[in-house]
PDB file of N, CA and C in Angstrom:
ATOM      1  N   MET A   1      31.072  -4.228  -3.359  1.00  0.00           N
ATOM      2  CA  MET A   1      29.688  -4.491  -3.676  1.00  0.00           C
ATOM      3  C   MET A   1      29.524  -4.390  -5.190  1.00  0.00           C
ATOM      4  N   SER A   2      28.789  -5.323  -5.747  1.00  0.00           N
ATOM      5  CA  SER A   2      28.587  -5.319  -7.197  1.00  0.00           C
ATOM      6  C   SER A   2      27.628  -4.199  -7.603  1.00  0.00           C
ATOM      7  N   GLN A   3      27.721  -3.800  -8.843  1.00  0.00           N
ATOM      8  CA  GLN A   3      26.815  -2.783  -9.364  1.00  0.00           C
ATOM      9  C   GLN A   3      25.367  -3.268  -9.294  1.00  0.00           C
ATOM     10  N   GLU A   4      25.167  -4.560  -9.495  1.00  0.00           N
ATOM     11  CA  GLU A   4      23.811  -5.124  -9.390  1.00  0.00           C
ATOM     12  C   GLU A   4      23.244  -4.918  -7.987  1.00  0.00           C
ATOM     13  N   ASN A   5      24.055  -5.159  -6.973  1.00  0.00           N
ATOM     14  CA  ASN A   5      23.597  -4.952  -5.596  1.00  0.00           C
ATOM     15  C   ASN A   5      23.334  -3.478  -5.308  1.00  0.00           C
ATOM     16  N   VAL A   6      24.162  -2.615  -5.857  1.00  0.00           N
ATOM     17  CA  VAL A   6      23.951  -1.176  -5.690  1.00  0.00           C
ATOM     18  C   VAL A   6      22.596  -0.781  -6.275  1.00  0.00           C
ATOM     19  N   GLU A   7      22.268  -1.306  -7.444  1.00  0.00           N
ATOM     20  CA  GLU A   7      20.988  -0.990  -8.079  1.00  0.00           C
ATOM     21  C   GLU A   7      19.813  -1.534  -7.280  1.00  0.00           C
ATOM     22  N   ILE A   8      19.958  -2.689  -6.692  1.00  0.00           N
ATOM     23  CA  ILE A   8      18.899  -3.248  -5.842  1.00  0.00           C
ATOM     24  C   ILE A   8      18.635  -2.318  -4.663  1.00  0.00           C
ATOM     25  N   VAL A   9      19.687  -1.870  -4.019  1.00  0.00           N
ATOM     26  CA  VAL A   9      19.544  -0.967  -2.873  1.00  0.00           C
ATOM     27  C   VAL A   9      18.935   0.360  -3.317  1.00  0.00           C
ATOM     28  N   ARG A  10      19.361   0.878  -4.444  1.00  0.00           N
ATOM     29  CA  ARG A  10      18.785   2.133  -4.952  1.00  0.00           C
ATOM     30  C   ARG A  10      17.289   2.004  -5.203  1.00  0.00           C
ATOM     31  N   ARG A  11      16.877   0.896  -5.829  1.00  0.00           N
ATOM     32  CA  ARG A  11      15.445   0.680  -6.101  1.00  0.00           C
ATOM     33  C   ARG A  11      14.663   0.592  -4.798  1.00  0.00           C
ATOM     34  N   TRP A  12      15.220  -0.128  -3.824  1.00  0.00           N
ATOM     35  CA  TRP A  12      14.531  -0.292  -2.545  1.00  0.00           C
ATOM     36  C   TRP A  12      14.397   1.051  -1.830  1.00  0.00           C
ATOM     37  N   LEU A  13      15.467   1.846  -1.804  1.00  0.00           N
ATOM     38  CA  LEU A  13      15.406   3.146  -1.137  1.00  0.00           C
ATOM     39  C   LEU A  13      14.457   4.097  -1.847  1.00  0.00           C
ATOM     40  N   TRP A  14      14.467   4.072  -3.190  1.00  0.00           N
ATOM     41  CA  TRP A  14      13.530   4.919  -3.922  1.00  0.00           C
ATOM     42  C   TRP A  14      12.095   4.517  -3.591  1.00  0.00           C
ATOM     43  N   ALA A  15      11.807   3.221  -3.622  1.00  0.00           N
ATOM     44  CA  ALA A  15      10.464   2.730  -3.339  1.00  0.00           C
ATOM     45  C   ALA A  15      10.065   3.058  -1.904  1.00  0.00           C
ATOM     46  N   PHE A  16      10.991   2.915  -0.966  1.00  0.00           N
ATOM     47  CA  PHE A  16      10.715   3.234   0.435  1.00  0.00           C
ATOM     48  C   PHE A  16      10.169   4.648   0.556  1.00  0.00           C
ATOM     49  N   ASP A  17      10.782   5.565  -0.149  1.00  0.00           N
ATOM     50  CA  ASP A  17      10.465   6.983   0.002  1.00  0.00           C
ATOM     51  C   ASP A  17       9.346   7.464  -0.915  1.00  0.00           C
ATOM     52  N   ASN A  18       9.062   6.754  -2.001  1.00  0.00           N
ATOM     53  CA  ASN A  18       8.197   7.323  -3.029  1.00  0.00           C
ATOM     54  C   ASN A  18       6.958   6.539  -3.411  1.00  0.00           C
ATOM     55  N   ASP A  19       6.929   5.237  -3.199  1.00  0.00           N
ATOM     56  CA  ASP A  19       5.859   4.445  -3.802  1.00  0.00           C
ATOM     57  C   ASP A  19       5.559   3.203  -2.962  1.00  0.00           C
ATOM     58  N   THR A  20       4.425   3.218  -2.303  1.00  0.00           N
ATOM     59  CA  THR A  20       4.033   2.105  -1.433  1.00  0.00           C
ATOM     60  C   THR A  20       3.949   0.790  -2.190  1.00  0.00           C
ATOM     61  N   ASP A  21       3.326   0.799  -3.356  1.00  0.00           N
ATOM     62  CA  ASP A  21       3.199  -0.443  -4.130  1.00  0.00           C
ATOM     63  C   ASP A  21       4.558  -0.966  -4.572  1.00  0.00           C
ATOM     64  N   ALA A  22       5.420  -0.078  -5.032  1.00  0.00           N
ATOM     65  CA  ALA A  22       6.767  -0.488  -5.444  1.00  0.00           C
ATOM     66  C   ALA A  22       7.537  -1.030  -4.243  1.00  0.00           C
ATOM     67  N   PHE A  23       7.369  -0.416  -3.081  1.00  0.00           N
ATOM     68  CA  PHE A  23       8.042  -0.902  -1.877  1.00  0.00           C
ATOM     69  C   PHE A  23       7.612  -2.332  -1.569  1.00  0.00           C
ATOM     70  N   ARG A  24       6.323  -2.597  -1.673  1.00  0.00           N
ATOM     71  CA  ARG A  24       5.826  -3.964  -1.441  1.00  0.00           C
ATOM     72  C   ARG A  24       6.442  -4.944  -2.437  1.00  0.00           C
ATOM     73  N   GLN A  25       6.593  -4.521  -3.675  1.00  0.00           N
ATOM     74  CA  GLN A  25       7.114  -5.408  -4.716  1.00  0.00           C
ATOM     75  C   GLN A  25       8.593  -5.716  -4.543  1.00  0.00           C
ATOM     76  N   VAL A  26       9.379  -4.750  -4.093  1.00  0.00           N
ATOM     77  CA  VAL A  26      10.828  -4.959  -4.008  1.00  0.00           C
ATOM     78  C   VAL A  26      11.291  -5.478  -2.645  1.00  0.00           C
ATOM     79  N   THR A  27      10.374  -5.579  -1.690  1.00  0.00           N
ATOM     80  CA  THR A  27      10.726  -6.067  -0.361  1.00  0.00           C
ATOM     81  C   THR A  27      10.395  -7.551  -0.253  1.00  0.00           C
ATOM     82  N   HIS A  28      11.347  -8.325   0.218  1.00  0.00           N
ATOM     83  CA  HIS A  28      11.141  -9.770   0.363  1.00  0.00           C
ATOM     84  C   HIS A  28      10.002 -10.016   1.358  1.00  0.00           C
ATOM     85  N   PRO A  29       9.085 -10.927   1.058  1.00  0.00           N
ATOM     86  CA  PRO A  29       7.943 -11.165   1.946  1.00  0.00           C
ATOM     87  C   PRO A  29       8.326 -11.696   3.325  1.00  0.00           C
ATOM     88  N   GLU A  30       9.520 -12.239   3.469  1.00  0.00           N
ATOM     89  CA  GLU A  30       9.951 -12.755   4.767  1.00  0.00           C
ATOM     90  C   GLU A  30      11.014 -11.861   5.410  1.00  0.00           C
ATOM     91  N   ILE A  31      10.971 -10.573   5.100  1.00  0.00           N
ATOM     92  CA  ILE A  31      11.937  -9.632   5.652  1.00  0.00           C
ATOM     93  C   ILE A  31      11.944  -9.694   7.181  1.00  0.00           C
ATOM     94  N   GLU A  32      13.111  -9.541   7.747  1.00  0.00           N
ATOM     95  CA  GLU A  32      13.256  -9.392   9.194  1.00  0.00           C
ATOM     96  C   GLU A  32      13.924  -8.047   9.419  1.00  0.00           C
ATOM     97  N   TRP A  33      13.235  -7.172  10.144  1.00  0.00           N
ATOM     98  CA  TRP A  33      13.705  -5.806  10.351  1.00  0.00           C
ATOM     99  C   TRP A  33      13.769  -5.570  11.850  1.00  0.00           C
ATOM    100  N   MET A  34      14.862  -4.994  12.307  1.00  0.00           N
ATOM    101  CA  MET A  34      15.054  -4.728  13.734  1.00  0.00           C
ATOM    102  C   MET A  34      15.211  -3.219  13.930  1.00  0.00           C
ATOM    103  N   PRO A  35      14.094  -2.494  13.920  1.00  0.00           N
ATOM    104  CA  PRO A  35      14.163  -1.036  13.957  1.00  0.00           C
ATOM    105  C   PRO A  35      14.625  -0.502  15.316  1.00  0.00           C
ATOM    106  N   PHE A  36      15.414   0.546  15.232  1.00  0.00           N
ATOM    107  CA  PHE A  36      15.936   1.128  16.470  1.00  0.00           C
ATOM    108  C   PHE A  36      14.829   1.698  17.344  1.00  0.00           C
ATOM    109  N   GLU A  37      13.760   2.201  16.741  1.00  0.00           N
ATOM    110  CA  GLU A  37      12.688   2.809  17.540  1.00  0.00           C
ATOM    111  C   GLU A  37      11.911   1.767  18.342  1.00  0.00           C
ATOM    112  N   ASP A  38      12.031   0.511  17.990  1.00  0.00           N
ATOM    113  CA  ASP A  38      11.417  -0.582  18.751  1.00  0.00           C
ATOM    114  C   ASP A  38      12.469  -1.338  19.557  1.00  0.00           C
ATOM    115  N   ASN A  39      13.552  -0.646  19.895  1.00  0.00           N
ATOM    116  CA  ASN A  39      14.644  -1.220  20.690  1.00  0.00           C
ATOM    117  C   ASN A  39      15.234  -2.454  20.008  1.00  0.00           C
ATOM    118  N   HIS A  40      15.279  -2.405  18.675  1.00  0.00           N
ATOM    119  CA  HIS A  40      15.863  -3.472  17.852  1.00  0.00           C
ATOM    120  C   HIS A  40      15.152  -4.813  18.010  1.00  0.00           C
ATOM    121  N   THR A  41      13.888  -4.766  18.394  1.00  0.00           N
ATOM    122  CA  THR A  41      13.085  -5.989  18.476  1.00  0.00           C
ATOM    123  C   THR A  41      12.758  -6.441  17.060  1.00  0.00           C
ATOM    124  N   PRO A  42      13.045  -7.681  16.723  1.00  0.00           N
ATOM    125  CA  PRO A  42      12.803  -8.140  15.354  1.00  0.00           C
ATOM    126  C   PRO A  42      11.329  -8.063  14.965  1.00  0.00           C
ATOM    127  N   SER A  43      11.095  -7.553  13.776  1.00  0.00           N
ATOM    128  CA  SER A  43       9.774  -7.549  13.163  1.00  0.00           C
ATOM    129  C   SER A  43       9.878  -8.417  11.917  1.00  0.00           C
ATOM    130  N   HIS A  44       8.872  -9.232  11.680  1.00  0.00           N
ATOM    131  CA  HIS A  44       8.931 -10.210  10.594  1.00  0.00           C
ATOM    132  C   HIS A  44       7.816  -9.978   9.591  1.00  0.00           C
ATOM    133  N   GLY A  45       8.163 -10.095   8.333  1.00  0.00           N
ATOM    134  CA  GLY A  45       7.180 -10.084   7.265  1.00  0.00           C
ATOM    135  C   GLY A  45       6.915  -8.719   6.667  1.00  0.00           C
ATOM    136  N   LEU A  46       6.226  -8.762   5.553  1.00  0.00           N
ATOM    137  CA  LEU A  46       5.934  -7.558   4.788  1.00  0.00           C
ATOM    138  C   LEU A  46       5.012  -6.603   5.532  1.00  0.00           C
ATOM    139  N   ASP A  47       4.029  -7.127   6.252  1.00  0.00           N
ATOM    140  CA  ASP A  47       3.127  -6.240   7.006  1.00  0.00           C
ATOM    141  C   ASP A  47       3.893  -5.452   8.061  1.00  0.00           C
ATOM    142  N   ALA A  48       4.824  -6.097   8.725  1.00  0.00           N
ATOM    143  CA  ALA A  48       5.644  -5.406   9.723  1.00  0.00           C
ATOM    144  C   ALA A  48       6.524  -4.358   9.053  1.00  0.00           C
ATOM    145  N   ALA A  49       7.098  -4.698   7.899  1.00  0.00           N
ATOM    146  CA  ALA A  49       7.925  -3.738   7.164  1.00  0.00           C
ATOM    147  C   ALA A  49       7.099  -2.534   6.737  1.00  0.00           C
ATOM    148  N   MET A  50       5.872  -2.771   6.310  1.00  0.00           N
ATOM    149  CA  MET A  50       5.001  -1.663   5.910  1.00  0.00           C
ATOM    150  C   MET A  50       4.687  -0.766   7.116  1.00  0.00           C
ATOM    151  N   ARG A  51       4.452  -1.377   8.268  1.00  0.00           N
ATOM    152  CA  ARG A  51       4.166  -0.588   9.478  1.00  0.00           C
ATOM    153  C   ARG A  51       5.362   0.297   9.825  1.00  0.00           C
ATOM    154  N   ILE A  52       6.552  -0.273   9.785  1.00  0.00           N
ATOM    155  CA  ILE A  52       7.760   0.480  10.108  1.00  0.00           C
ATOM    156  C   ILE A  52       7.970   1.591   9.082  1.00  0.00           C
ATOM    157  N   ARG A  53       7.874   1.243   7.799  1.00  0.00           N
ATOM    158  CA  ARG A  53       8.051   2.231   6.733  1.00  0.00           C
ATOM    159  C   ARG A  53       7.059   3.381   6.888  1.00  0.00           C
ATOM    160  N   ASN A  54       5.795   3.045   7.079  1.00  0.00           N
ATOM    161  CA  ASN A  54       4.776   4.090   7.191  1.00  0.00           C
ATOM    162  C   ASN A  54       5.024   4.987   8.399  1.00  0.00           C
ATOM    163  N   GLY A  55       5.498   4.415   9.479  1.00  0.00           N
ATOM    164  CA  GLY A  55       5.832   5.222  10.651  1.00  0.00           C
ATOM    165  C   GLY A  55       6.954   6.202  10.354  1.00  0.00           C
ATOM    166  N   TRP A  56       7.954   5.753   9.631  1.00  0.00           N
ATOM    167  CA  TRP A  56       9.072   6.626   9.271  1.00  0.00           C
ATOM    168  C   TRP A  56       8.619   7.719   8.304  1.00  0.00           C
ATOM    169  N   ILE A  57       7.802   7.340   7.318  1.00  0.00           N
ATOM    170  CA  ILE A  57       7.317   8.320   6.343  1.00  0.00           C
ATOM    171  C   ILE A  57       6.503   9.395   7.053  1.00  0.00           C
ATOM    172  N   GLU A  58       5.633   8.991   7.954  1.00  0.00           N
ATOM    173  CA  GLU A  58       4.815   9.965   8.686  1.00  0.00           C
ATOM    174  C   GLU A  58       5.690  10.878   9.557  1.00  0.00           C
ATOM    175  N   ALA A  59       6.671  10.303  10.212  1.00  0.00           N
ATOM    176  CA  ALA A  59       7.535  11.108  11.085  1.00  0.00           C
ATOM    177  C   ALA A  59       8.320  12.159  10.301  1.00  0.00           C
ATOM    178  N   TRP A  60       8.730  11.821   9.080  1.00  0.00           N
ATOM    179  CA  TRP A  60       9.529  12.749   8.293  1.00  0.00           C
ATOM    180  C   TRP A  60       8.694  13.690   7.434  1.00  0.00           C
ATOM    181  N   ALA A  61       7.401  13.415   7.294  1.00  0.00           N
ATOM    182  CA  ALA A  61       6.558  14.242   6.419  1.00  0.00           C
ATOM    183  C   ALA A  61       6.574  15.707   6.829  1.00  0.00           C
ATOM    184  N   GLU A  62       6.555  15.978   8.106  1.00  0.00           N
ATOM    185  CA  GLU A  62       6.543  17.373   8.576  1.00  0.00           C
ATOM    186  C   GLU A  62       7.839  18.105   8.272  1.00  0.00           C
ATOM    187  N   HIS A  63       8.929  17.387   8.069  1.00  0.00           N
ATOM    188  CA  HIS A  63      10.210  18.016   7.786  1.00  0.00           C
ATOM    189  C   HIS A  63      10.399  18.327   6.309  1.00  0.00           C
ATOM    190  N   ARG A  64       9.543  17.765   5.472  1.00  0.00           N
ATOM    191  CA  ARG A  64       9.663  17.972   4.027  1.00  0.00           C
ATOM    192  C   ARG A  64       8.965  19.249   3.566  1.00  0.00           C
ATOM    193  N   ASN A  65       8.027  19.690   4.303  1.00  0.00           N
ATOM    194  CA  ASN A  65       7.224  20.842   3.853  1.00  0.00           C
ATOM    195  C   ASN A  65       7.848  22.155   4.241  1.00  0.00           C
TER     196      ASN A  65
END
């Protein structure tokens, strides 16, 4: 994997965990995500990605405190 790709993944993971607006900016608007909690059913688009992300953030919030 190129260093450029590593940096892209790092930015995306940082945004996922820290900044909703940054997450929206670094996520492709036509993302297709197949989350395990939805039995790998494909979810399409940025709104779906935000729903999945927010669900994960909420689930882990109690473990951070």
